[in-house]
């Protein structure tokens, strides 16, 4: 029997988007905000600066090119 072992990395180590602390926080806010909105709870988070907002839109557009987030 062959047993394969994988080195375990945390999500923060393996996900390139989470390596940037500011971008990681923005992605977390986006995720929590959309998840709670589905449940009917509206949340407010601090306004992102223009550069970070642009990065976030570029990342989201890669995964959902037809979605509008405005």
Protein backbone atom coordinates (compact mmCIF):
# COMPACT_ATOMS: atom_id res chain seq x y z
CA UNK A 1 0.00 0.00 0.00
CA UNK A 2 1.33 3.42 -0.96
CA UNK A 3 0.55 6.31 1.31
CA UNK A 4 0.87 9.87 -0.01
CA UNK A 5 1.43 12.65 2.40
CA UNK A 6 0.91 16.27 1.53
CA UNK A 7 2.44 19.22 3.22
CA UNK A 8 -0.34 21.20 4.79
CA UNK A 9 -0.34 24.94 4.24
CA UNK A 10 -2.81 27.36 5.64
CA UNK A 11 -5.17 29.11 3.29
CA UNK A 12 -3.31 32.33 3.97
CA UNK A 13 -0.07 30.70 2.74
CA UNK A 14 -1.54 28.95 -0.29
CA UNK A 15 -3.92 31.62 -1.62
CA UNK A 16 -1.97 34.36 -3.43
CA UNK A 17 -4.77 36.90 -2.91
CA UNK A 18 -4.53 36.61 0.87
CA UNK A 19 -0.79 37.31 1.02
CA UNK A 20 -1.45 41.06 0.75
CA UNK A 21 -2.99 41.96 4.15
CA UNK A 22 -5.06 44.89 2.86
CA UNK A 23 -6.39 42.94 -0.10
CA UNK A 24 -7.11 39.94 2.13
CA UNK A 25 -9.17 42.14 4.45
CA UNK A 26 -11.08 43.62 1.50
CA UNK A 27 -11.83 40.14 0.15
CA UNK A 28 -12.99 39.02 3.60
CA UNK A 29 -15.31 42.04 3.86
CA UNK A 30 -16.68 41.29 0.38
CA UNK A 31 -17.30 37.66 1.27
CA UNK A 32 -18.97 38.39 4.61
CA UNK A 33 -21.04 41.20 3.15
CA UNK A 34 -22.38 39.07 0.30
CA UNK A 35 -23.01 36.06 2.56
CA UNK A 36 -24.93 38.08 5.14
CA UNK A 37 -26.89 39.88 2.40
CA UNK A 38 -28.13 36.49 1.18
CA UNK A 39 -29.50 35.97 4.70
CA UNK A 40 -31.18 39.38 4.63
CA UNK A 41 -28.69 41.18 6.88
CA UNK A 42 -27.16 44.32 5.43
CA UNK A 43 -23.67 45.20 6.65
CA UNK A 44 -21.49 48.26 6.29
CA UNK A 45 -17.72 48.21 6.03
CA UNK A 46 -15.15 50.98 5.71
CA UNK A 47 -14.82 52.54 2.26
CA UNK A 48 -11.89 51.14 0.26
CA UNK A 49 -9.32 53.47 -1.23
CA UNK A 50 -9.36 53.68 -5.05
CA UNK A 51 -6.27 51.49 -5.61
CA UNK A 52 -7.56 48.68 -3.40
CA UNK A 53 -11.04 48.91 -4.92
CA UNK A 54 -9.48 48.56 -8.39
CA UNK A 55 -7.52 45.44 -7.32
CA UNK A 56 -10.65 43.91 -5.82
CA UNK A 57 -12.66 44.55 -8.99
CA UNK A 58 -9.92 42.99 -11.14
CA UNK A 59 -9.89 39.84 -9.03
CA UNK A 60 -13.67 39.51 -8.99
CA UNK A 61 -13.89 40.17 -12.75
CA UNK A 62 -11.53 37.25 -13.45
CA UNK A 63 -13.98 34.86 -11.81
CA UNK A 64 -17.26 36.48 -12.86
CA UNK A 65 -16.74 38.52 -16.03
CA UNK A 66 -20.44 39.21 -16.62
CA UNK A 67 -21.24 40.38 -13.07
CA UNK A 68 -21.60 44.04 -12.18
CA UNK A 69 -20.55 45.21 -8.73
CA UNK A 70 -21.56 48.87 -8.91
